[in-house]
């Protein structure tokens, strides 16, 4: 397989780094830290990419990893859980709105400190998809490279710090004891993955954000709600999904992209950390209104990537259905209204493409 990948354009880096990334994941996981397989793979891949050697994760393994994650979420959905998600719907929309509001409020700060346009700062801080925000932002005169780089930093910052911070809220001795639902049988897992792949394919055809992940969640969840399938994915599949997501995250840390905007990167780190803390505070307030474990709410409100936050919830034995639902609503909402919100903000407040020089 690796030999075949070497012959395909853009996949040489993936073939070279695949085994070292898996080894890095195993070492990081052996340390007992959360998301060990993902973080180890991401660090090894990121270090390799920062040497100037590009890493392109082929579509097939990337989509397979997203389908695994989405199918795992869908398997635990029941009619009772679906009803509970409906009760949380207003809070999900509020969380999405808060993410957009924080980006709008902090954009002038990042623009001035990072010496980028306000449009670039705004689309860089929005908790939406990297590709979608770069494309939409470019339509409004924002710098696509800066947006992509800062979104990479956003996801890396949240994935690297949030699980470690949440360990303070989780009883260490009880984590291993929280077994949840039993592992699904081989036939059920195969059926769930097949349904998830079909759902991802359909979602990609109709243009949904994070289509292969979201489509798998919806398709498998619909079948699981009937009682036909249920349980959890085998731990080996979860490990594979972590490695694939880690590879994808690490591959984004391209030296040429990140080194071209050092001032914006430094300012972006500080701004994103501020937003991260603010969203955690909003999560705590939401917990006062609707009782729920604080770690689950922090993951639900967080500005990390959808796949990464769902994996974090699963590894930390949190409410993956709640986290997936919040992240889905946020992703769909942000991608849908980002351009329209910017047009209104620019017309009312910014007027021109200011630079913080």
Protein backbone atom coordinates (compact mmCIF):
# COMPACT_ATOMS: atom_id res chain seq x y z
CA UNK A 1 0.00 0.00 0.00
CA UNK A 2 2.77 2.43 0.96
CA UNK A 3 4.65 1.63 -2.25
CA UNK A 4 1.54 2.44 -4.26
CA UNK A 5 1.09 5.71 -2.43
CA UNK A 6 4.63 6.75 -3.35
CA UNK A 7 3.65 6.78 -7.00
CA UNK A 8 0.73 9.13 -6.55
CA UNK A 9 1.30 12.89 -6.76
CA UNK A 10 1.26 14.62 -3.38
CA UNK A 11 1.20 11.43 -1.31
CA UNK A 12 4.94 10.81 -0.95
CA UNK A 13 5.06 12.68 2.36
CA UNK A 14 2.13 10.64 3.67
CA UNK A 15 3.81 7.35 2.76
CA UNK A 16 7.03 8.40 4.48
CA UNK A 17 5.46 9.74 7.68
CA UNK A 18 2.66 7.19 8.20
CA UNK A 19 4.64 4.67 10.27
CA UNK A 20 6.64 7.27 12.28
CA UNK A 21 3.36 9.08 13.05
CA UNK A 22 1.79 5.86 14.32
CA UNK A 23 4.85 5.19 16.48
CA UNK A 24 4.66 8.73 17.82
CA UNK A 25 1.02 8.16 18.65
CA UNK A 26 1.84 4.94 20.50
CA UNK A 27 4.54 6.65 22.55
CA UNK A 28 2.30 9.60 23.40
CA UNK A 29 -0.56 7.26 24.30
CA UNK A 30 1.72 5.22 26.59
CA UNK A 31 2.30 8.41 28.60
CA UNK A 32 -1.31 8.26 29.73
CA UNK A 33 -2.22 11.68 28.33
CA UNK A 34 -5.59 12.11 26.57
CA UNK A 35 -5.78 11.88 22.76
CA UNK A 36 -2.35 10.25 22.81
CA UNK A 37 -2.60 8.62 19.37
CA UNK A 38 -3.89 11.84 17.79
CA UNK A 39 -1.42 14.20 19.45
CA UNK A 40 1.58 11.92 18.90
CA UNK A 41 0.75 11.53 15.21
CA UNK A 42 0.13 15.27 14.87
CA UNK A 43 3.42 16.24 16.52
CA UNK A 44 5.51 13.87 14.41
CA UNK A 45 3.74 14.91 11.20
CA UNK A 46 3.89 18.60 12.09
CA UNK A 47 7.61 18.40 12.82
CA UNK A 48 8.16 16.68 9.47
CA UNK A 49 6.06 19.27 7.62
CA UNK A 50 7.92 22.13 9.33
CA UNK A 51 11.17 20.91 7.76
CA UNK A 52 9.73 21.96 4.42
CA UNK A 53 8.63 18.54 3.24
CA UNK A 54 4.91 18.65 2.33
CA UNK A 55 2.54 15.98 3.60
CA UNK A 56 -0.68 15.35 1.68
CA UNK A 57 -3.13 12.98 3.33
CA UNK A 58 -4.96 11.09 0.53
CA UNK A 59 -8.72 11.48 0.36
CA UNK A 60 -9.49 7.80 0.99
CA UNK A 61 -7.86 7.43 4.44
CA UNK A 62 -8.97 10.92 5.45
CA UNK A 63 -12.59 10.19 4.62
CA UNK A 64 -12.33 6.74 6.21
CA UNK A 65 -11.20 8.33 9.47
CA UNK A 66 -14.10 10.78 9.44
CA UNK A 67 -16.57 7.98 8.70
CA UNK A 68 -15.21 5.99 11.65
CA UNK A 69 -15.68 8.95 13.98
CA UNK A 70 -19.14 9.76 12.64
CA UNK A 71 -20.27 6.13 12.77
CA UNK A 72 -19.06 5.87 16.35
CA UNK A 73 -21.21 8.85 17.32
CA UNK A 74 -24.20 7.56 15.38
CA UNK A 75 -24.04 4.15 17.07
CA UNK A 76 -24.75 5.59 20.52
CA UNK A 77 -27.77 7.61 19.42
CA UNK A 78 -31.12 6.46 20.77
CA UNK A 79 -34.60 8.05 20.62
CA UNK A 80 -34.07 9.22 24.20
CA UNK A 81 -30.77 10.89 23.35
CA UNK A 82 -32.31 12.47 20.23
CA UNK A 83 -35.12 13.92 22.37
CA UNK A 84 -32.56 15.35 24.79
CA UNK A 85 -30.68 16.94 21.89
CA UNK A 86 -33.92 18.69 20.87
CA UNK A 87 -34.13 20.26 24.32
CA UNK A 88 -30.60 21.61 23.88
CA UNK A 89 -31.31 23.09 20.41
CA UNK A 90 -31.73 26.74 21.58
CA UNK A 91 -28.49 26.52 23.54
CA UNK A 92 -26.71 25.08 20.49
CA UNK A 93 -27.79 28.05 18.39
CA UNK A 94 -26.73 30.41 21.18
CA UNK A 95 -23.30 28.78 21.32
CA UNK A 96 -22.93 29.18 17.55
CA UNK A 97 -23.92 32.83 17.82
CA UNK A 98 -21.43 33.40 20.63
CA UNK A 99 -18.64 31.95 18.49
CA UNK A 100 -19.46 34.41 15.71
CA UNK A 101 -19.80 37.31 18.16
CA UNK A 102 -16.40 36.58 19.74
CA UNK A 103 -14.78 36.55 16.29
CA UNK A 104 -16.39 39.90 15.45
CA UNK A 105 -15.39 41.48 18.77
CA UNK A 106 -11.80 40.25 18.66
CA UNK A 107 -11.16 40.86 14.95
CA UNK A 108 -10.09 44.54 15.39
CA UNK A 109 -7.67 43.47 18.17
CA UNK A 110 -6.06 40.83 15.97
CA UNK A 111 -5.99 43.20 12.99
CA UNK A 112 -4.09 45.84 14.93
CA UNK A 113 -1.71 43.48 16.77
CA UNK A 114 -1.09 41.19 13.80
CA UNK A 115 -1.06 43.89 11.11
CA UNK A 116 -3.65 42.19 8.94
CA UNK A 117 -6.92 43.48 7.55
CA UNK A 118 -10.01 43.29 9.73
CA UNK A 119 -11.62 41.01 7.17
CA UNK A 120 -8.67 38.62 7.40
CA UNK A 121 -8.81 38.72 11.20
CA UNK A 122 -12.56 38.09 11.28
CA UNK A 123 -12.52 35.06 8.99
CA UNK A 124 -9.41 33.73 10.76
CA UNK A 125 -11.19 33.72 14.14
CA UNK A 126 -14.50 32.25 13.05
CA UNK A 127 -14.97 28.68 14.36
CA UNK A 128 -15.83 27.28 10.94
CA UNK A 129 -14.16 24.94 8.48
CA UNK A 130 -10.65 25.87 7.35
CA UNK A 131 -11.37 25.45 3.65
CA UNK A 132 -14.76 27.15 3.83
CA UNK A 133 -13.50 30.18 5.80
CA UNK A 134 -10.48 30.63 3.52
CA UNK A 135 -12.69 30.50 0.41
CA UNK A 136 -15.42 32.81 1.72
CA UNK A 137 -12.91 35.22 3.26
CA UNK A 138 -11.03 35.52 -0.02
CA UNK A 139 -14.29 36.57 -1.70
CA UNK A 140 -14.39 39.55 0.68
CA UNK A 141 -10.78 40.58 0.18
CA UNK A 142 -9.25 38.65 3.10
CA UNK A 143 -5.88 36.93 2.83
CA UNK A 144 -6.44 33.21 2.22
CA UNK A 145 -2.99 32.11 3.44
CA UNK A 146 -3.30 33.91 6.76
CA UNK A 147 -6.80 32.52 7.33
CA UNK A 148 -5.67 28.95 6.67
CA UNK A 149 -2.62 29.34 8.92
CA UNK A 150 -4.55 30.81 11.84
CA UNK A 151 -7.27 28.16 11.57
CA UNK A 152 -4.54 25.53 11.76
CA UNK A 153 -3.24 27.20 14.91
CA UNK A 154 -6.80 27.41 16.31
CA UNK A 155 -7.42 23.70 16.02
CA UNK A 156 -3.91 22.82 17.19
CA UNK A 157 -4.18 25.08 20.24
CA UNK A 158 -7.54 23.70 21.33
CA UNK A 159 -6.65 20.06 20.70
CA UNK A 160 -3.31 20.43 22.45
CA UNK A 161 -4.50 22.27 25.55
CA UNK A 162 -8.17 21.54 26.16
CA UNK A 163 -7.91 17.79 26.95
CA UNK A 164 -5.11 18.49 29.43
CA UNK A 165 -7.15 21.23 31.07
CA UNK A 166 -10.19 18.97 31.33
CA UNK A 167 -8.20 16.36 33.24
CA UNK A 168 -8.50 18.71 36.19
CA UNK A 169 -12.27 18.28 36.14
CA UNK A 170 -12.26 14.51 35.69
CA UNK A 171 -11.59 12.05 38.52
CA UNK A 172 -8.47 10.22 37.33
CA UNK A 173 -9.35 6.99 39.12
CA UNK A 174 -12.83 6.88 37.65
CA UNK A 175 -12.02 7.50 33.99
CA UNK A 176 -11.12 3.89 33.20
CA UNK A 177 -14.21 2.67 35.02
CA UNK A 178 -16.59 4.62 32.81
CA UNK A 179 -17.08 1.90 30.25
CA UNK A 180 -20.27 3.21 28.64
CA UNK A 181 -22.05 0.96 26.19
CA UNK A 182 -20.47 -2.35 25.12
CA UNK A 183 -18.47 -2.75 21.94
CA UNK A 184 -20.63 -3.57 18.93
CA UNK A 185 -20.26 -6.94 17.22
CA UNK A 186 -18.23 -7.34 14.04
CA UNK A 187 -21.30 -7.49 11.77
CA UNK A 188 -22.87 -4.48 13.45
CA UNK A 189 -19.66 -2.47 13.12
CA UNK A 190 -19.30 -3.43 9.46
CA UNK A 191 -22.92 -2.46 8.84
CA UNK A 192 -22.49 0.84 10.70
CA UNK A 193 -19.38 1.74 8.71
CA UNK A 194 -21.11 0.89 5.44
CA UNK A 195 -24.11 3.03 6.36
CA UNK A 196 -21.78 5.80 7.55
CA UNK A 197 -19.83 5.77 4.30
CA UNK A 198 -23.06 6.00 2.31
CA UNK A 199 -24.26 8.88 4.48
CA UNK A 200 -20.94 10.67 4.06
CA UNK A 201 -21.04 10.24 0.29
CA UNK A 202 -24.59 11.61 0.05
CA UNK A 203 -23.71 14.55 2.31
CA UNK A 204 -20.66 15.38 0.21
CA UNK A 205 -22.82 15.45 -2.92
CA UNK A 206 -25.24 17.96 -1.40
CA UNK A 207 -22.42 20.14 -0.07
CA UNK A 208 -22.77 19.83 3.73
CA UNK A 209 -19.84 21.06 5.84
CA UNK A 210 -17.69 18.24 7.30
CA UNK A 211 -19.79 16.03 5.04
CA UNK A 212 -18.14 12.67 5.64
CA UNK A 213 -18.32 13.11 9.40
CA UNK A 214 -21.76 14.70 9.64
CA UNK A 215 -23.30 12.38 7.04
CA UNK A 216 -22.05 9.32 8.92
CA UNK A 217 -23.49 10.62 12.19
CA UNK A 218 -26.93 11.24 10.69
CA UNK A 219 -27.10 8.02 8.67
CA UNK A 220 -25.86 5.67 11.39
CA UNK A 221 -27.83 7.53 14.05
CA UNK A 222 -31.05 7.07 12.07
CA UNK A 223 -30.46 3.31 11.89
CA UNK A 224 -29.33 3.07 15.52
CA UNK A 225 -32.49 4.85 16.66
CA UNK A 226 -34.51 1.88 15.34
CA UNK A 227 -32.56 -0.51 17.55
CA UNK A 228 -31.11 -2.40 14.58
CA UNK A 229 -27.52 -1.56 15.57
CA UNK A 230 -25.87 -0.17 18.64
CA UNK A 231 -22.81 -0.19 20.86
CA UNK A 232 -19.38 1.32 20.39
CA UNK A 233 -16.72 0.99 17.73
CA UNK A 234 -13.81 -1.34 18.50
CA UNK A 235 -10.93 0.53 20.23
CA UNK A 236 -8.62 -0.31 17.31
CA UNK A 237 -10.85 1.67 14.94
CA UNK A 238 -10.84 4.60 17.35
CA UNK A 239 -7.04 4.49 17.40
CA UNK A 240 -6.91 4.43 13.59
CA UNK A 241 -9.25 7.42 13.45
CA UNK A 242 -7.05 9.31 15.91
CA UNK A 243 -3.92 8.64 13.84
CA UNK A 244 -5.60 9.78 10.63
CA UNK A 245 -6.95 12.98 12.22
CA UNK A 246 -3.54 13.60 13.80
CA UNK A 247 -1.83 13.19 10.43
CA UNK A 248 -4.29 15.61 8.84
CA UNK A 249 -3.78 18.19 11.59
CA UNK A 250 0.00 17.92 11.56
CA UNK A 251 0.17 18.15 7.75
CA UNK A 252 -1.31 21.66 7.93
CA UNK A 253 1.73 22.99 9.77
CA UNK A 254 3.62 23.85 6.59
CA UNK A 255 6.77 25.86 7.24
CA UNK A 256 6.29 28.21 4.29
CA UNK A 257 2.72 29.04 5.29
CA UNK A 258 3.39 29.62 9.00
CA UNK A 259 6.72 31.42 8.62
CA UNK A 260 5.27 33.99 6.24
CA UNK A 261 3.15 35.70 8.90
CA UNK A 262 5.04 35.52 12.24
CA UNK A 263 3.46 38.64 13.74
CA UNK A 264 -0.07 37.53 12.84
CA UNK A 265 0.66 34.06 14.24
CA UNK A 266 1.79 35.43 17.60
CA UNK A 267 -1.18 37.80 17.83
CA UNK A 268 -3.50 35.03 16.70
CA UNK A 269 -2.34 32.69 19.48
CA UNK A 270 -3.11 35.29 22.14
CA UNK A 271 -6.48 36.17 20.62
CA UNK A 272 -7.53 32.55 20.20
CA UNK A 273 -6.54 31.78 23.78
CA UNK A 274 -8.78 34.64 24.92
CA UNK A 275 -11.71 33.29 22.89
CA UNK A 276 -11.06 29.79 24.18
CA UNK A 277 -11.29 30.98 27.81
CA UNK A 278 -14.40 33.05 27.07
CA UNK A 279 -16.20 30.09 25.49
CA UNK A 280 -15.33 27.92 28.49
CA UNK A 281 -16.88 30.57 30.73
CA UNK A 282 -20.03 30.58 28.57
CA UNK A 283 -20.13 26.79 28.92
CA UNK A 284 -20.03 27.11 32.70
CA UNK A 285 -22.93 29.57 32.60
CA UNK A 286 -24.89 27.20 30.36
CA UNK A 287 -24.36 24.48 32.95
CA UNK A 288 -26.15 26.63 35.53
CA UNK A 289 -29.21 26.84 33.28
CA UNK A 290 -29.28 23.24 32.05
CA UNK A 291 -27.50 20.69 34.28
CA UNK A 292 -24.76 18.81 32.43
CA UNK A 293 -21.20 17.72 33.19
CA UNK A 294 -18.92 20.75 32.79
CA UNK A 295 -16.24 18.95 30.69
CA UNK A 296 -18.88 17.92 28.14
CA UNK A 297 -20.18 21.48 27.94
CA UNK A 298 -16.69 22.93 27.54
CA UNK A 299 -16.06 20.56 24.63
CA UNK A 300 -19.46 21.43 23.17
CA UNK A 301 -18.79 25.19 23.32
CA UNK A 302 -15.13 24.93 22.28
CA UNK A 303 -13.77 26.41 19.05
CA UNK A 304 -11.82 23.30 18.03
CA UNK A 305 -12.48 21.18 14.97
CA UNK A 306 -15.55 18.97 14.89
CA UNK A 307 -13.71 15.68 14.46
CA UNK A 308 -11.12 16.56 17.09
CA UNK A 309 -13.68 17.58 19.71
CA UNK A 310 -15.82 14.49 19.15
CA UNK A 311 -12.75 12.29 19.52
CA UNK A 312 -11.78 14.15 22.69
CA UNK A 313 -15.25 13.58 24.13
CA UNK A 314 -15.03 9.88 23.34
CA UNK A 315 -11.54 9.42 24.79
CA UNK A 316 -12.48 11.33 27.97
CA UNK A 317 -15.80 9.40 28.26
CA UNK A 318 -17.89 12.54 27.91
CA UNK A 319 -21.26 13.03 26.21
CA UNK A 320 -20.20 12.54 22.59
CA UNK A 321 -23.74 12.96 21.26
CA UNK A 322 -24.06 16.37 22.91
CA UNK A 323 -20.61 17.49 21.76
CA UNK A 324 -21.25 16.29 18.21
CA UNK A 325 -24.62 18.06 18.08
CA UNK A 326 -23.19 21.38 19.34
CA UNK A 327 -20.23 21.22 16.97
CA UNK A 328 -22.48 20.34 14.03
CA UNK A 329 -24.91 23.21 14.65
CA UNK A 330 -22.00 25.60 15.10
CA UNK A 331 -20.25 24.45 11.93
CA UNK A 332 -23.37 24.64 9.77
CA UNK A 333 -24.37 28.03 11.21
CA UNK A 334 -20.95 29.65 10.87
CA UNK A 335 -20.39 28.40 7.33
CA UNK A 336 -23.88 29.55 6.33
CA UNK A 337 -23.84 33.10 7.72
CA UNK A 338 -20.14 34.08 7.84
CA UNK A 339 -20.23 36.15 4.66
CA UNK A 340 -23.55 37.84 5.41
CA UNK A 341 -22.45 38.80 8.93
CA UNK A 342 -19.21 40.27 7.60
CA UNK A 343 -21.06 42.37 5.03
CA UNK A 344 -23.23 43.84 7.78
CA UNK A 345 -20.28 44.44 10.11
CA UNK A 346 -18.22 46.07 7.38
CA UNK A 347 -21.08 48.32 6.34
CA UNK A 348 -21.91 49.44 9.89
CA UNK A 349 -18.55 49.57 11.66
CA UNK A 350 -15.42 49.06 9.58
CA UNK A 351 -16.27 50.78 6.27
CA UNK A 352 -12.80 50.19 4.87
CA UNK A 353 -10.22 47.41 4.85
CA UNK A 354 -8.32 48.74 7.87
CA UNK A 355 -4.86 47.51 8.77
CA UNK A 356 -3.44 47.76 12.25
CA UNK A 357 -0.15 49.34 11.26
